[in-house]
Amino acid sequence: MTAREGAQRLGVSPRTIQRLVAEPRADFEARAQERRQRAVELREQGLKYREIAEEMGCSVGTVGTLLHHARKSGTSDQRQASA
């Protein structure tokens, strides 16, 4: 069922339905951070993007994006500084 269909059934706006079923932002951010850290860990072990993608069950493009965001946010730098 889509948000629009649920909204029509309940007599509310689609946005109301989306807000009710949405994952809390803090939970989403924590999950995203864990995925970025996992990708960085695998890359530091010498795995290629394709191998990381297979290990994490995602596309090679997603691995590139995860690693890019990790570098951009300093996740990979923080790991190296703490090592």
PDB file of N, CA and C in Angstrom:
ATOM      1  N   MET A   1       0.845  -1.162   0.000  1.00  0.00           N
ATOM      2  CA  MET A   1       0.000   0.000   0.000  1.00  0.00           C
ATOM      3  C   MET A   1       0.900   1.238   0.000  1.00  0.00           C
ATOM      4  N   THR A   2       0.553   2.206  -0.805  1.00  0.00           N
ATOM      5  CA  THR A   2       1.316   3.449  -0.855  1.00  0.00           C
ATOM      6  C   THR A   2       0.794   4.419   0.197  1.00  0.00           C
ATOM      7  N   ALA A   3       1.553   5.471   0.427  1.00  0.00           N
ATOM      8  CA  ALA A   3       1.127   6.506   1.381  1.00  0.00           C
ATOM      9  C   ALA A   3      -0.166   7.162   0.890  1.00  0.00           C
ATOM     10  N   ARG A   4      -0.260   7.341  -0.398  1.00  0.00           N
ATOM     11  CA  ARG A   4      -1.462   7.966  -0.961  1.00  0.00           C
ATOM     12  C   ARG A   4      -2.693   7.092  -0.731  1.00  0.00           C
ATOM     13  N   GLU A   5      -2.539   5.786  -0.960  1.00  0.00           N
ATOM     14  CA  GLU A   5      -3.660   4.869  -0.747  1.00  0.00           C
ATOM     15  C   GLU A   5      -4.067   4.833   0.728  1.00  0.00           C
ATOM     16  N   GLY A   6      -3.095   4.781   1.608  1.00  0.00           N
ATOM     17  CA  GLY A   6      -3.386   4.777   3.037  1.00  0.00           C
ATOM     18  C   GLY A   6      -4.059   6.063   3.473  1.00  0.00           C
ATOM     19  N   ALA A   7      -3.619   7.168   2.923  1.00  0.00           N
ATOM     20  CA  ALA A   7      -4.205   8.458   3.262  1.00  0.00           C
ATOM     21  C   ALA A   7      -5.666   8.530   2.825  1.00  0.00           C
ATOM     22  N   GLN A   8      -5.946   8.010   1.644  1.00  0.00           N
ATOM     23  CA  GLN A   8      -7.326   8.019   1.157  1.00  0.00           C
ATOM     24  C   GLN A   8      -8.212   7.146   2.041  1.00  0.00           C
ATOM     25  N   ARG A   9      -7.693   6.003   2.459  1.00  0.00           N
ATOM     26  CA  ARG A   9      -8.473   5.108   3.316  1.00  0.00           C
ATOM     27  C   ARG A   9      -8.756   5.722   4.687  1.00  0.00           C
ATOM     28  N   LEU A  10      -7.773   6.439   5.225  1.00  0.00           N
ATOM     29  CA  LEU A  10      -7.902   6.984   6.574  1.00  0.00           C
ATOM     30  C   LEU A  10      -8.382   8.431   6.611  1.00  0.00           C
ATOM     31  N   GLY A  11      -8.459   9.046   5.452  1.00  0.00           N
ATOM     32  CA  GLY A  11      -8.929  10.426   5.401  1.00  0.00           C
ATOM     33  C   GLY A  11      -7.917  11.434   5.924  1.00  0.00           C
ATOM     34  N   VAL A  12      -6.637  11.156   5.717  1.00  0.00           N
ATOM     35  CA  VAL A  12      -5.584  12.082   6.125  1.00  0.00           C
ATOM     36  C   VAL A  12      -4.691  12.356   4.920  1.00  0.00           C
ATOM     37  N   SER A  13      -3.687  13.208   5.092  1.00  0.00           N
ATOM     38  CA  SER A  13      -2.790  13.518   3.978  1.00  0.00           C
ATOM     39  C   SER A  13      -1.737  12.419   3.818  1.00  0.00           C
ATOM     40  N   PRO A  14      -1.198  12.261   2.611  1.00  0.00           N
ATOM     41  CA  PRO A  14      -0.115  11.290   2.409  1.00  0.00           C
ATOM     42  C   PRO A  14       1.093  11.594   3.296  1.00  0.00           C
ATOM     43  N   ARG A  15       1.343  12.872   3.533  1.00  0.00           N
ATOM     44  CA  ARG A  15       2.479  13.252   4.385  1.00  0.00           C
ATOM     45  C   ARG A  15       2.298  12.745   5.820  1.00  0.00           C
ATOM     46  N   THR A  16       1.065  12.745   6.299  1.00  0.00           N
ATOM     47  CA  THR A  16       0.793  12.225   7.638  1.00  0.00           C
ATOM     48  C   THR A  16       1.155  10.749   7.710  1.00  0.00           C
ATOM     49  N   ILE A  17       0.794  10.009   6.705  1.00  0.00           N
ATOM     50  CA  ILE A  17       1.123   8.580   6.657  1.00  0.00           C
ATOM     51  C   ILE A  17       2.636   8.401   6.615  1.00  0.00           C
ATOM     52  N   GLN A  18       3.332   9.186   5.804  1.00  0.00           N
ATOM     53  CA  GLN A  18       4.783   9.080   5.699  1.00  0.00           C
ATOM     54  C   GLN A  18       5.453   9.362   7.042  1.00  0.00           C
ATOM     55  N   ARG A  19       4.970  10.355   7.755  1.00  0.00           N
ATOM     56  CA  ARG A  19       5.547  10.682   9.062  1.00  0.00           C
ATOM     57  C   ARG A  19       5.329   9.552  10.065  1.00  0.00           C
ATOM     58  N   LEU A  20       4.171   8.908   9.983  1.00  0.00           N
ATOM     59  CA  LEU A  20       3.853   7.835  10.926  1.00  0.00           C
ATOM     60  C   LEU A  20       4.721   6.599  10.730  1.00  0.00           C
ATOM     61  N   VAL A  21       5.078   6.299   9.491  1.00  0.00           N
ATOM     62  CA  VAL A  21       5.828   5.077   9.227  1.00  0.00           C
ATOM     63  C   VAL A  21       7.325   5.311   9.022  1.00  0.00           C
ATOM     64  N   ALA A  22       7.752   6.554   9.040  1.00  0.00           N
ATOM     65  CA  ALA A  22       9.161   6.869   8.783  1.00  0.00           C
ATOM     66  C   ALA A  22      10.056   6.408   9.927  1.00  0.00           C
ATOM     67  N   GLU A  23      11.247   5.998   9.580  1.00  0.00           N
ATOM     68  CA  GLU A  23      12.265   5.648  10.562  1.00  0.00           C
ATOM     69  C   GLU A  23      12.759   6.934  11.216  1.00  0.00           C
ATOM     70  N   PRO A  24      12.924   6.951  12.522  1.00  0.00           N
ATOM     71  CA  PRO A  24      13.446   8.154  13.178  1.00  0.00           C
ATOM     72  C   PRO A  24      14.800   8.548  12.588  1.00  0.00           C
ATOM     73  N   ARG A  25      15.015   9.827  12.422  1.00  0.00           N
ATOM     74  CA  ARG A  25      16.230  10.333  11.773  1.00  0.00           C
ATOM     75  C   ARG A  25      17.502   9.849  12.473  1.00  0.00           C
ATOM     76  N   ALA A  26      17.496   9.853  13.786  1.00  0.00           N
ATOM     77  CA  ALA A  26      18.680   9.420  14.535  1.00  0.00           C
ATOM     78  C   ALA A  26      19.008   7.954  14.236  1.00  0.00           C
ATOM     79  N   ASP A  27      17.989   7.123  14.117  1.00  0.00           N
ATOM     80  CA  ASP A  27      18.205   5.706  13.793  1.00  0.00           C
ATOM     81  C   ASP A  27      18.782   5.557  12.394  1.00  0.00           C
ATOM     82  N   PHE A  28      18.235   6.326  11.453  1.00  0.00           N
ATOM     83  CA  PHE A  28      18.720   6.292  10.074  1.00  0.00           C
ATOM     84  C   PHE A  28      20.182   6.723  10.020  1.00  0.00           C
ATOM     85  N   GLU A  29      20.511   7.821  10.694  1.00  0.00           N
ATOM     86  CA  GLU A  29      21.884   8.332  10.693  1.00  0.00           C
ATOM     87  C   GLU A  29      22.848   7.319  11.310  1.00  0.00           C
ATOM     88  N   ALA A  30      22.436   6.666  12.379  1.00  0.00           N
ATOM     89  CA  ALA A  30      23.291   5.673  13.027  1.00  0.00           C
ATOM     90  C   ALA A  30      23.544   4.490  12.099  1.00  0.00           C
ATOM     91  N   ARG A  31      22.496   4.040  11.421  1.00  0.00           N
ATOM     92  CA  ARG A  31      22.634   2.925  10.485  1.00  0.00           C
ATOM     93  C   ARG A  31      23.540   3.307   9.318  1.00  0.00           C
ATOM     94  N   ALA A  32      23.383   4.524   8.820  1.00  0.00           N
ATOM     95  CA  ALA A  32      24.218   4.995   7.706  1.00  0.00           C
ATOM     96  C   ALA A  32      25.679   5.074   8.131  1.00  0.00           C
ATOM     97  N   GLN A  33      25.929   5.560   9.335  1.00  0.00           N
ATOM     98  CA  GLN A  33      27.292   5.655   9.848  1.00  0.00           C
ATOM     99  C   GLN A  33      27.922   4.269   9.983  1.00  0.00           C
ATOM    100  N   GLU A  34      27.154   3.299  10.444  1.00  0.00           N
ATOM    101  CA  GLU A  34      27.661   1.927  10.565  1.00  0.00           C
ATOM    102  C   GLU A  34      28.034   1.364   9.200  1.00  0.00           C
ATOM    103  N   ARG A  35      27.197   1.622   8.194  1.00  0.00           N
ATOM    104  CA  ARG A  35      27.493   1.130   6.834  1.00  0.00           C
ATOM    105  C   ARG A  35      28.764   1.780   6.293  1.00  0.00           C
ATOM    106  N   ARG A  36      28.919   3.081   6.513  1.00  0.00           N
ATOM    107  CA  ARG A  36      30.133   3.766   6.047  1.00  0.00           C
ATOM    108  C   ARG A  36      31.361   3.188   6.744  1.00  0.00           C
ATOM    109  N   GLN A  37      31.281   2.971   8.059  1.00  0.00           N
ATOM    110  CA  GLN A  37      32.407   2.415   8.800  1.00  0.00           C
ATOM    111  C   GLN A  37      32.769   1.022   8.309  1.00  0.00           C
ATOM    112  N   ARG A  38      31.761   0.212   8.033  1.00  0.00           N
ATOM    113  CA  ARG A  38      32.011  -1.149   7.533  1.00  0.00           C
ATOM    114  C   ARG A  38      32.723  -1.105   6.187  1.00  0.00           C
ATOM    115  N   ALA A  39      32.279  -0.212   5.305  1.00  0.00           N
ATOM    116  CA  ALA A  39      32.917  -0.080   3.994  1.00  0.00           C
ATOM    117  C   ALA A  39      34.366   0.363   4.143  1.00  0.00           C
ATOM    118  N   VAL A  40      34.628   1.298   5.038  1.00  0.00           N
ATOM    119  CA  VAL A  40      35.996   1.769   5.277  1.00  0.00           C
ATOM    120  C   VAL A  40      36.855   0.630   5.822  1.00  0.00           C
ATOM    121  N   GLU A  41      36.319  -0.137   6.778  1.00  0.00           N
ATOM    122  CA  GLU A  41      37.060  -1.257   7.341  1.00  0.00           C
ATOM    123  C   GLU A  41      37.456  -2.260   6.260  1.00  0.00           C
ATOM    124  N   LEU A  42      36.501  -2.598   5.407  1.00  0.00           N
ATOM    125  CA  LEU A  42      36.777  -3.565   4.345  1.00  0.00           C
ATOM    126  C   LEU A  42      37.802  -3.017   3.355  1.00  0.00           C
ATOM    127  N   ARG A  43      37.712  -1.731   3.058  1.00  0.00           N
ATOM    128  CA  ARG A  43      38.662  -1.112   2.133  1.00  0.00           C
ATOM    129  C   ARG A  43      40.060  -1.118   2.745  1.00  0.00           C
ATOM    130  N   GLU A  44      40.143  -0.849   4.042  1.00  0.00           N
ATOM    131  CA  GLU A  44      41.444  -0.854   4.726  1.00  0.00           C
ATOM    132  C   GLU A  44      42.065  -2.251   4.752  1.00  0.00           C
ATOM    133  N   GLN A  45      41.221  -3.278   4.647  1.00  0.00           N
ATOM    134  CA  GLN A  45      41.716  -4.654   4.582  1.00  0.00           C
ATOM    135  C   GLN A  45      42.221  -5.000   3.189  1.00  0.00           C
ATOM    136  N   GLY A  46      42.079  -4.057   2.246  1.00  0.00           N
ATOM    137  CA  GLY A  46      42.597  -4.256   0.904  1.00  0.00           C
ATOM    138  C   GLY A  46      41.587  -4.787  -0.098  1.00  0.00           C
ATOM    139  N   LEU A  47      40.320  -4.872   0.283  1.00  0.00           N
ATOM    140  CA  LEU A  47      39.311  -5.361  -0.644  1.00  0.00           C
ATOM    141  C   LEU A  47      39.030  -4.327  -1.728  1.00  0.00           C
ATOM    142  N   LYS A  48      38.713  -4.825  -2.904  1.00  0.00           N
ATOM    143  CA  LYS A  48      38.324  -3.960  -4.010  1.00  0.00           C
ATOM    144  C   LYS A  48      36.857  -3.590  -3.862  1.00  0.00           C
ATOM    145  N   TYR A  49      36.445  -2.534  -4.555  1.00  0.00           N
ATOM    146  CA  TYR A  49      35.058  -2.075  -4.475  1.00  0.00           C
ATOM    147  C   TYR A  49      34.082  -3.213  -4.762  1.00  0.00           C
ATOM    148  N   ARG A  50      34.388  -4.019  -5.773  1.00  0.00           N
ATOM    149  CA  ARG A  50      33.506  -5.129  -6.148  1.00  0.00           C
ATOM    150  C   ARG A  50      33.383  -6.141  -5.004  1.00  0.00           C
ATOM    151  N   GLU A  51      34.498  -6.434  -4.354  1.00  0.00           N
ATOM    152  CA  GLU A  51      34.499  -7.378  -3.238  1.00  0.00           C
ATOM    153  C   GLU A  51      33.735  -6.824  -2.036  1.00  0.00           C
ATOM    154  N   ILE A  52      33.883  -5.523  -1.798  1.00  0.00           N
ATOM    155  CA  ILE A  52      33.149  -4.880  -0.706  1.00  0.00           C
ATOM    156  C   ILE A  52      31.652  -4.943  -0.997  1.00  0.00           C
ATOM    157  N   ALA A  53      31.290  -4.677  -2.255  1.00  0.00           N
ATOM    158  CA  ALA A  53      29.879  -4.711  -2.653  1.00  0.00           C
ATOM    159  C   ALA A  53      29.289  -6.100  -2.420  1.00  0.00           C
ATOM    160  N   GLU A  54      30.019  -7.131  -2.778  1.00  0.00           N
ATOM    161  CA  GLU A  54      29.542  -8.498  -2.564  1.00  0.00           C
ATOM    162  C   GLU A  54      29.390  -8.791  -1.072  1.00  0.00           C
ATOM    163  N   GLU A  55      30.356  -8.365  -0.282  1.00  0.00           N
ATOM    164  CA  GLU A  55      30.337  -8.605   1.165  1.00  0.00           C
ATOM    165  C   GLU A  55      29.159  -7.887   1.830  1.00  0.00           C
ATOM    166  N   MET A  56      28.881  -6.660   1.384  1.00  0.00           N
ATOM    167  CA  MET A  56      27.835  -5.852   2.012  1.00  0.00           C
ATOM    168  C   MET A  56      26.467  -6.021   1.358  1.00  0.00           C
ATOM    169  N   GLY A  57      26.420  -6.708   0.229  1.00  0.00           N
ATOM    170  CA  GLY A  57      25.148  -6.923  -0.450  1.00  0.00           C
ATOM    171  C   GLY A  57      24.594  -5.676  -1.096  1.00  0.00           C
ATOM    172  N   CYS A  58      25.476  -4.896  -1.706  1.00  0.00           N
ATOM    173  CA  CYS A  58      25.041  -3.673  -2.377  1.00  0.00           C
ATOM    174  C   CYS A  58      25.787  -3.539  -3.702  1.00  0.00           C
ATOM    175  N   SER A  59      25.536  -2.468  -4.429  1.00  0.00           N
ATOM    176  CA  SER A  59      26.194  -2.264  -5.721  1.00  0.00           C
ATOM    177  C   SER A  59      27.565  -1.629  -5.533  1.00  0.00           C
ATOM    178  N   VAL A  60      28.384  -1.728  -6.574  1.00  0.00           N
ATOM    179  CA  VAL A  60      29.703  -1.109  -6.562  1.00  0.00           C
ATOM    180  C   VAL A  60      29.557   0.411  -6.433  1.00  0.00           C
ATOM    181  N   GLY A  61      28.551   0.978  -7.072  1.00  0.00           N
ATOM    182  CA  GLY A  61      28.303   2.413  -6.977  1.00  0.00           C
ATOM    183  C   GLY A  61      27.985   2.845  -5.558  1.00  0.00           C
ATOM    184  N   THR A  62      27.235   2.014  -4.846  1.00  0.00           N
ATOM    185  CA  THR A  62      26.916   2.320  -3.450  1.00  0.00           C
ATOM    186  C   THR A  62      28.178   2.304  -2.601  1.00  0.00           C
ATOM    187  N   VAL A  63      29.064   1.369  -2.865  1.00  0.00           N
ATOM    188  CA  VAL A  63      30.335   1.315  -2.130  1.00  0.00           C
ATOM    189  C   VAL A  63      31.113   2.608  -2.354  1.00  0.00           C
ATOM    190  N   GLY A  64      31.165   3.041  -3.603  1.00  0.00           N
ATOM    191  CA  GLY A  64      31.856   4.293  -3.905  1.00  0.00           C
ATOM    192  C   GLY A  64      31.251   5.464  -3.155  1.00  0.00           C
ATOM    193  N   THR A  65      29.926   5.504  -3.118  1.00  0.00           N
ATOM    194  CA  THR A  65      29.235   6.580  -2.406  1.00  0.00           C
ATOM    195  C   THR A  65      29.513   6.512  -0.910  1.00  0.00           C
ATOM    196  N   LEU A  66      29.460   5.313  -0.333  1.00  0.00           N
ATOM    197  CA  LEU A  66      29.731   5.153   1.099  1.00  0.00           C
ATOM    198  C   LEU A  66      31.138   5.632   1.448  1.00  0.00           C
ATOM    199  N   LEU A  67      32.106   5.229   0.643  1.00  0.00           N
ATOM    200  CA  LEU A  67      33.485   5.621   0.909  1.00  0.00           C
ATOM    201  C   LEU A  67      33.689   7.124   0.702  1.00  0.00           C
ATOM    202  N   HIS A  68      33.029   7.678  -0.298  1.00  0.00           N
ATOM    203  CA  HIS A  68      33.105   9.120  -0.538  1.00  0.00           C
ATOM    204  C   HIS A  68      32.568   9.887   0.660  1.00  0.00           C
ATOM    205  N   HIS A  69      31.396   9.482   1.138  1.00  0.00           N
ATOM    206  CA  HIS A  69      30.797  10.161   2.286  1.00  0.00           C
ATOM    207  C   HIS A  69      31.634   9.967   3.552  1.00  0.00           C
ATOM    208  N   ALA A  70      32.261   8.800   3.673  1.00  0.00           N
ATOM    209  CA  ALA A  70      33.124   8.559   4.826  1.00  0.00           C
ATOM    210  C   ALA A  70      34.324   9.507   4.792  1.00  0.00           C
ATOM    211  N   ARG A  71      34.927   9.661   3.607  1.00  0.00           N
ATOM    212  CA  ARG A  71      36.059  10.593   3.482  1.00  0.00           C
ATOM    213  C   ARG A  71      35.609  12.024   3.737  1.00  0.00           C
ATOM    214  N   LYS A  72      34.460  12.361   3.178  1.00  0.00           N
ATOM    215  CA  LYS A  72      33.930  13.720   3.316  1.00  0.00           C
ATOM    216  C   LYS A  72      33.624  14.063   4.778  1.00  0.00           C
ATOM    217  N   SER A  73      33.093  13.100   5.527  1.00  0.00           N
ATOM    218  CA  SER A  73      32.737  13.334   6.926  1.00  0.00           C
ATOM    219  C   SER A  73      33.923  13.117   7.864  1.00  0.00           C
ATOM    220  N   GLY A  74      35.030  12.626   7.320  1.00  0.00           N
ATOM    221  CA  GLY A  74      36.210  12.401   8.150  1.00  0.00           C
ATOM    222  C   GLY A  74      36.212  11.053   8.854  1.00  0.00           C
ATOM    223  N   THR A  75      35.273  10.163   8.516  1.00  0.00           N
ATOM    224  CA  THR A  75      35.204   8.860   9.181  1.00  0.00           C
ATOM    225  C   THR A  75      36.491   8.081   8.975  1.00  0.00           C
ATOM    226  N   SER A  76      37.001   8.050   7.762  1.00  0.00           N
ATOM    227  CA  SER A  76      38.214   7.271   7.504  1.00  0.00           C
ATOM    228  C   SER A  76      39.413   7.935   8.168  1.00  0.00           C
ATOM    229  N   ASP A  77      39.452   9.266   8.237  1.00  0.00           N
ATOM    230  CA  ASP A  77      40.544   9.964   8.892  1.00  0.00           C
ATOM    231  C   ASP A  77      40.530   9.714  10.394  1.00  0.00           C
ATOM    232  N   GLN A  78      39.340   9.696  10.995  1.00  0.00           N
ATOM    233  CA  GLN A  78      39.223   9.461  12.423  1.00  0.00           C
ATOM    234  C   GLN A  78      39.714   8.065  12.770  1.00  0.00           C
ATOM    235  N   ARG A  79      39.428   7.083  11.917  1.00  0.00           N
ATOM    236  CA  ARG A  79      39.851   5.715  12.181  1.00  0.00           C
ATOM    237  C   ARG A  79      41.367   5.634  12.124  1.00  0.00           C
ATOM    238  N   GLN A  80      41.986   6.325  11.160  1.00  0.00           N
ATOM    239  CA  GLN A  80      43.437   6.278  11.035  1.00  0.00           C
ATOM    240  C   GLN A  80      44.102   6.993  12.209  1.00  0.00           C
ATOM    241  N   ALA A  81      43.516   8.077  12.677  1.00  0.00           N
ATOM    242  CA  ALA A  81      44.096   8.821  13.797  1.00  0.00           C
ATOM    243  C   ALA A  81      44.029   8.027  15.092  1.00  0.00           C
ATOM    244  N   SER A  82      42.979   7.224  15.255  1.00  0.00           N
ATOM    245  CA  SER A  82      42.830   6.463  16.490  1.00  0.00           C
ATOM    246  C   SER A  82      43.636   5.164  16.478  1.00  0.00           C
ATOM    247  N   ALA A  83      44.157   4.783  15.317  1.00  0.00           N
ATOM    248  CA  ALA A  83      44.923   3.530  15.203  1.00  0.00           C
ATOM    249  C   ALA A  83      46.347   3.697  15.664  1.00  0.00           C
TER     250      ALA A  83
END
